[in-house]
Amino acid sequence: MKLKVIVRFVCTISIFAASIFIGRALWNRYMNSPWTRDGKVRADVINIAADVSGIVVRVAVIDNQLVHKGDLLFTVDPDRYRLALSQADARLAASKAQMEMKKQEAERRAKLDGVVISTENRENARSQADSAEALYQEAEVAVETAMLNLNRTQVRAPVDGYISNLSVHTGDFATAGTAKLAVIDKKSFWVYGYFEETKLRLLHLGDPVEIQLLGNAPALKGHIESLASGITDHDNPTGRELLSDVNPIFNWVRLAQRVPVRIKIDQLPGNVKLVAGTTCTVVVRSSQGSSSGS
């Protein structure tokens, strides 16, 4: 009977000790390990706008389509810009004829004797020739500008990526500088891990990182590229007089601020599709060799 009591006592003590040990290990793992479930997949998003204004006569893509650098996205009506180019060509031809006439006139007067023509007239002819040459150069620039505007009626993809937020249709009026769609750069995906400020001491530039996307996707490998140097202080905004507007209410329970840590993805497996804005778990493998789990 006494043996059973002793066994029960030993088992109880063992379970209690194991619980304390496991609880402490889990606490240290959660509080002192460099990992976070608050990770976001990010990517460079390029807003696409026409460089010239006009009616859209063709849309060559659909939403979420993969495009390559140089692919046609949409076309602005080029007729007006063709006419502008023809007009600029005509002005260039007129300027060239005027320049050649003034140059010939200046050369003839330069050869005349001082008795026939005064020095002032000779200098005026030379100045008129120089002015005509400047007008010709200006006309050349106008032709190049008109040609550039004509070329810009075709809006093309600046990078390889995915079409997003397509809001342009045939017949719409495209205003220069107003974004009509976005392209998510296919080669620019990276991860922001939002780590508690209490864990920043455990993070170092270049530390290897394991990225686990939600779902069944395989873990991705990366490394810490940079740490943010500042976040917004919501408790200390600026008042109307440009003085600090300090919040008089203090919450006794203070949550640790989260600081963005930029993580570069080293290699993306071909069977993994990243979506900007999705959530992931970020686990940092410290350079000293220690590891932590999620």
Protein backbone atom coordinates (compact mmCIF):
# COMPACT_ATOMS: atom_id res chain seq x y z
CA MET A 1 0.00 0.00 0.00
CA LYS A 2 2.79 2.36 0.91
CA LEU A 3 4.51 1.52 -2.36
CA LYS A 4 1.44 2.64 -4.33
CA VAL A 5 1.36 5.92 -2.40
CA ILE A 6 5.03 6.50 -3.10
CA VAL A 7 4.57 5.70 -6.82
CA ARG A 8 1.62 8.07 -7.05
CA PHE A 9 3.57 10.78 -5.26
CA VAL A 10 6.59 10.33 -7.53
CA CYS A 11 4.39 10.35 -10.64
CA THR A 12 2.62 13.49 -9.49
CA ILE A 13 5.88 15.26 -8.74
CA SER A 14 7.33 14.11 -12.08
CA ILE A 15 4.31 15.34 -14.03
CA PHE A 16 4.36 18.65 -12.14
CA ALA A 17 8.09 19.11 -12.80
CA ALA A 18 7.68 18.17 -16.45
CA SER A 19 4.83 20.67 -16.77
CA ILE A 20 6.99 23.43 -15.27
CA PHE A 21 9.91 22.52 -17.54
CA ILE A 22 7.76 22.36 -20.69
CA GLY A 23 5.91 25.54 -19.75
CA ARG A 24 9.16 27.41 -19.19
CA ALA A 25 10.58 26.08 -22.45
CA LEU A 26 7.47 27.15 -24.36
CA TRP A 27 7.53 30.56 -22.66
CA ASN A 28 11.16 31.11 -23.60
CA ARG A 29 10.47 29.84 -27.09
CA TYR A 30 7.56 32.25 -27.53
CA MET A 31 9.07 35.28 -25.82
CA ASN A 32 12.76 35.02 -26.67
CA SER A 33 12.87 33.31 -30.05
CA PRO A 34 13.11 35.41 -33.22
CA TRP A 35 9.95 34.38 -35.04
CA THR A 36 6.58 35.87 -35.85
CA ARG A 37 3.31 34.79 -37.41
CA ASP A 38 2.74 38.39 -38.52
CA GLY A 39 4.47 38.23 -41.89
CA LYS A 40 3.23 39.67 -45.17
CA VAL A 41 4.25 38.86 -48.73
CA ARG A 42 4.95 42.11 -50.60
CA ALA A 43 5.89 43.07 -54.14
CA ASP A 44 6.66 46.17 -56.16
CA VAL A 45 3.46 47.48 -57.76
CA ILE A 46 3.90 49.72 -60.80
CA ASN A 47 1.02 52.06 -61.63
CA ILE A 48 0.60 52.28 -65.40
CA ALA A 49 -0.63 55.51 -66.96
CA ALA A 50 -0.60 56.83 -70.50
CA ASP A 51 1.98 59.50 -71.22
CA VAL A 52 -0.40 61.18 -73.70
CA SER A 53 -4.12 61.87 -73.54
CA GLY A 54 -6.75 60.49 -75.87
CA ILE A 55 -9.45 57.90 -76.44
CA VAL A 56 -8.43 54.28 -75.82
CA VAL A 57 -8.91 52.35 -79.06
CA ARG A 58 -7.56 48.98 -77.93
CA VAL A 59 -6.99 47.05 -74.72
CA ALA A 60 -4.64 44.11 -75.28
CA VAL A 61 -4.70 42.48 -71.83
CA ILE A 62 -7.11 41.11 -69.24
CA ASP A 63 -7.04 41.34 -65.47
CA ASN A 64 -4.49 39.09 -63.68
CA GLN A 65 -2.76 38.22 -66.97
CA LEU A 66 0.97 37.52 -66.99
CA VAL A 67 2.78 39.96 -69.29
CA HIS A 68 6.39 40.38 -70.28
CA LYS A 69 8.45 43.51 -70.56
CA GLY A 70 7.54 45.34 -73.77
CA ASP A 71 4.14 43.68 -74.26
CA LEU A 72 1.36 46.01 -75.44
CA LEU A 73 -1.13 46.89 -72.71
CA PHE A 74 -3.43 49.40 -74.39
CA THR A 75 -3.40 51.92 -77.23
CA VAL A 76 -4.48 55.56 -77.25
CA ASP A 77 -5.96 56.89 -80.52
CA PRO A 78 -2.84 57.83 -82.55
CA ASP A 79 -4.52 59.88 -85.34
CA ARG A 80 -4.10 63.26 -83.65
CA TYR A 81 -0.45 62.52 -82.94
CA ARG A 82 0.20 61.41 -86.52
CA LEU A 83 -1.17 64.77 -87.70
CA ALA A 84 1.00 66.57 -85.17
CA LEU A 85 4.05 64.73 -86.50
CA SER A 86 3.17 65.70 -90.11
CA GLN A 87 2.76 69.30 -89.04
CA ALA A 88 6.12 69.24 -87.27
CA ASP A 89 7.77 67.74 -90.38
CA ALA A 90 6.33 70.55 -92.52
CA ARG A 91 7.60 73.19 -90.12
CA LEU A 92 11.01 71.53 -90.14
CA ALA A 93 11.14 71.68 -93.93
CA ALA A 94 10.15 75.36 -93.91
CA SER A 95 12.74 76.14 -91.26
CA LYS A 96 15.43 74.34 -93.23
CA ALA A 97 14.63 76.31 -96.38
CA GLN A 98 14.67 79.59 -94.44
CA MET A 99 17.96 78.69 -92.79
CA GLU A 100 19.67 77.84 -96.07
CA MET A 101 18.41 81.08 -97.66
CA LYS A 102 19.71 83.19 -94.77
CA LYS A 103 23.06 81.40 -94.79
CA GLN A 104 23.50 81.99 -98.53
CA GLU A 105 22.52 85.62 -98.12
CA ALA A 106 25.04 86.08 -95.31
CA GLU A 107 27.80 84.43 -97.37
CA ARG A 108 27.10 86.70 -100.36
CA ARG A 109 27.19 89.83 -98.24
CA ALA A 110 30.38 88.69 -96.53
CA LYS A 111 32.10 88.61 -99.94
CA LEU A 112 30.99 92.11 -100.96
CA ASP A 113 33.36 95.03 -100.66
CA GLY A 114 32.92 97.48 -97.81
CA VAL A 115 32.02 100.21 -100.32
CA VAL A 116 29.02 98.24 -101.60
CA ILE A 117 27.64 97.12 -98.20
CA SER A 118 28.20 98.41 -94.73
CA THR A 119 29.66 96.38 -91.88
CA GLU A 120 26.35 96.69 -90.03
CA ASN A 121 24.40 95.07 -92.85
CA ARG A 122 26.96 92.30 -93.06
CA GLU A 123 26.64 91.61 -89.32
CA ASN A 124 22.84 91.73 -89.49
CA ALA A 125 22.86 89.12 -92.26
CA ARG A 126 25.08 86.88 -90.16
CA SER A 127 22.79 87.28 -87.14
CA GLN A 128 19.72 86.44 -89.22
CA ALA A 129 21.45 83.30 -90.48
CA ASP A 130 22.26 82.24 -86.91
CA SER A 131 18.68 82.92 -85.84
CA ALA A 132 17.34 80.82 -88.73
CA GLU A 133 19.65 77.97 -87.74
CA ALA A 134 18.34 78.12 -84.16
CA LEU A 135 14.75 77.99 -85.43
CA TYR A 136 15.67 74.96 -87.52
CA GLN A 137 17.10 73.19 -84.47
CA GLU A 138 13.92 74.03 -82.56
CA ALA A 139 11.87 72.51 -85.39
CA GLU A 140 14.00 69.36 -85.20
CA VAL A 141 13.19 69.03 -81.48
CA ALA A 142 9.49 69.53 -82.26
CA VAL A 143 9.64 66.65 -84.75
CA GLU A 144 11.33 64.39 -82.19
CA THR A 145 8.74 65.36 -79.57
CA ALA A 146 5.86 64.64 -81.96
CA MET A 147 7.42 61.28 -82.83
CA LEU A 148 7.85 60.47 -79.13
CA ASN A 149 4.20 61.34 -78.43
CA LEU A 150 3.10 59.12 -81.31
CA ASN A 151 5.16 56.22 -79.95
CA ARG A 152 3.75 56.79 -76.47
CA THR A 153 0.22 56.16 -77.70
CA GLN A 154 1.12 52.50 -77.29
CA VAL A 155 1.42 51.78 -73.57
CA ARG A 156 3.68 48.79 -72.92
CA ALA A 157 4.63 46.74 -69.88
CA PRO A 158 7.77 48.08 -68.16
CA VAL A 159 8.59 44.75 -66.46
CA ASP A 160 7.58 41.09 -66.37
CA GLY A 161 4.58 40.85 -64.10
CA TYR A 162 0.89 40.39 -63.51
CA ILE A 163 -1.89 42.77 -64.53
CA SER A 164 -3.87 44.03 -61.55
CA ASN A 165 -6.78 46.42 -61.02
CA LEU A 166 -7.46 46.78 -64.74
CA SER A 167 -9.76 49.80 -65.08
CA VAL A 168 -9.42 50.76 -68.74
CA HIS A 169 -11.73 49.77 -71.56
CA THR A 170 -12.03 50.54 -75.25
CA GLY A 171 -13.68 53.93 -75.63
CA ASP A 172 -12.44 55.31 -72.29
CA PHE A 173 -10.62 58.62 -72.33
CA ALA A 174 -7.11 58.23 -70.98
CA THR A 175 -5.70 61.31 -69.28
CA ALA A 176 -1.92 61.61 -69.27
CA GLY A 177 -0.55 60.68 -65.86
CA THR A 178 -3.75 59.02 -64.58
CA ALA A 179 -3.16 55.37 -63.72
CA LYS A 180 -5.39 52.91 -65.56
CA LEU A 181 -3.96 49.63 -64.27
CA ALA A 182 -1.14 48.19 -62.20
CA VAL A 183 1.58 45.65 -62.92
CA ILE A 184 2.88 43.52 -60.05
CA ASP A 185 6.57 42.97 -60.73
CA LYS A 186 7.05 39.20 -60.97
CA LYS A 187 10.69 39.36 -59.88
CA SER A 188 10.26 41.73 -56.93
CA PHE A 189 8.50 39.58 -54.31
CA TRP A 190 9.79 39.94 -50.77
CA VAL A 191 8.47 39.54 -47.23
CA TYR A 192 7.85 41.96 -44.38
CA GLY A 193 8.07 40.31 -40.96
CA TYR A 194 6.60 42.42 -38.17
CA PHE A 195 8.66 41.53 -35.10
CA GLU A 196 7.99 42.69 -31.56
CA GLU A 197 10.45 45.30 -30.33
CA THR A 198 11.55 42.93 -27.57
CA LYS A 199 12.97 40.56 -30.20
CA LEU A 200 14.96 43.06 -32.26
CA ARG A 201 18.12 42.29 -30.28
CA LEU A 202 17.98 38.76 -31.68
CA LEU A 203 17.91 39.91 -35.33
CA HIS A 204 20.96 40.67 -37.46
CA LEU A 205 21.43 41.62 -41.08
CA GLY A 206 22.06 38.54 -43.20
CA ASP A 207 20.52 36.06 -40.74
CA PRO A 208 18.95 33.11 -42.61
CA VAL A 209 15.17 33.02 -42.52
CA GLU A 210 12.57 30.32 -43.10
CA ILE A 211 9.26 31.53 -44.56
CA GLN A 212 6.19 29.34 -44.17
CA LEU A 213 3.18 30.39 -46.24
CA LEU A 214 -0.29 29.52 -45.02
CA GLY A 215 -1.42 26.33 -46.71
CA ASN A 216 0.59 23.39 -47.98
CA ALA A 217 3.28 25.35 -49.80
CA PRO A 218 6.87 24.31 -49.01
CA ALA A 219 8.95 26.55 -46.77
CA LEU A 220 10.92 29.27 -48.54
CA LYS A 221 14.46 30.32 -47.72
CA GLY A 222 15.55 33.91 -47.34
CA HIS A 223 17.64 36.27 -45.26
CA ILE A 224 17.20 39.55 -43.39
CA GLU A 225 17.86 42.40 -45.77
CA SER A 226 17.11 45.41 -43.55
CA LEU A 227 15.35 46.57 -40.40
CA ALA A 228 13.10 49.61 -40.26
CA SER A 229 14.53 52.60 -38.41
CA GLY A 230 11.23 54.13 -37.33
CA ILE A 231 7.49 53.63 -36.95
CA THR A 232 4.64 56.08 -36.34
CA ASP A 233 4.03 57.20 -32.76
CA HIS A 234 0.22 57.27 -32.48
CA ASP A 235 0.37 58.64 -28.91
CA ASN A 236 2.30 61.77 -29.86
CA PRO A 237 0.73 63.47 -32.90
CA THR A 238 1.37 67.08 -33.84
CA GLY A 239 -1.26 69.65 -32.86
CA ARG A 240 -2.44 72.69 -34.78
CA GLU A 241 0.33 74.82 -33.29
CA LEU A 242 2.93 72.24 -34.40
CA LEU A 243 3.39 71.20 -30.76
CA SER A 244 3.23 67.64 -29.44
CA ASP A 245 -0.34 66.61 -28.63
CA VAL A 246 0.42 64.11 -25.84
CA ASN A 247 -2.34 61.64 -25.00
CA PRO A 248 -3.17 62.08 -21.26
CA ILE A 249 -4.61 58.54 -21.00
CA PHE A 250 -2.11 55.78 -20.28
CA ASN A 251 -3.04 52.12 -20.63
CA TRP A 252 -1.51 49.99 -17.92
CA VAL A 253 -1.28 47.02 -20.25
CA ARG A 254 1.28 48.00 -22.86
CA LEU A 255 1.73 45.84 -25.94
CA ALA A 256 5.13 45.64 -27.58
CA GLN A 257 5.35 47.63 -30.78
CA ARG A 258 5.94 45.68 -33.97
CA VAL A 259 8.80 46.77 -36.23
CA PRO A 260 8.94 45.87 -39.94
CA VAL A 261 11.88 43.69 -40.97
CA ARG A 262 12.46 43.30 -44.72
CA ILE A 263 13.34 39.77 -45.83
CA LYS A 264 14.71 38.89 -49.23
CA ILE A 265 13.59 35.59 -50.74
CA ASP A 266 16.71 33.72 -51.86
CA GLN A 267 15.05 31.31 -54.26
CA LEU A 268 11.44 30.73 -55.27
CA PRO A 269 10.46 27.17 -56.23
CA GLY A 270 8.71 26.90 -59.57
CA ASN A 271 5.59 25.31 -58.05
CA VAL A 272 5.00 28.14 -55.55
CA LYS A 273 2.87 31.12 -56.55
CA LEU A 274 3.28 34.18 -54.37
CA VAL A 275 0.44 36.63 -53.89
CA ALA A 276 1.18 40.07 -52.54
CA GLY A 277 -0.65 40.75 -49.29
CA THR A 278 -0.92 37.14 -48.09
CA THR A 279 0.18 36.06 -44.63
CA CYS A 280 3.14 33.91 -43.63
CA THR A 281 5.15 32.82 -40.62
CA VAL A 282 8.74 34.02 -40.42
CA VAL A 283 11.35 32.08 -38.45
CA VAL A 284 14.85 33.49 -38.11
CA ARG A 285 17.75 31.08 -37.81
CA SER A 286 20.29 33.13 -35.92
CA SER A 287 23.82 33.34 -37.25
CA GLN A 288 25.07 31.85 -33.94
CA GLY A 289 23.44 28.54 -34.89
CA SER A 290 20.44 28.61 -32.56
CA SER A 291 17.04 27.92 -34.07
CA SER A 292 13.42 28.35 -33.16
CA GLY A 293 10.13 27.02 -34.39
CA SER A 294 6.74 28.47 -35.14
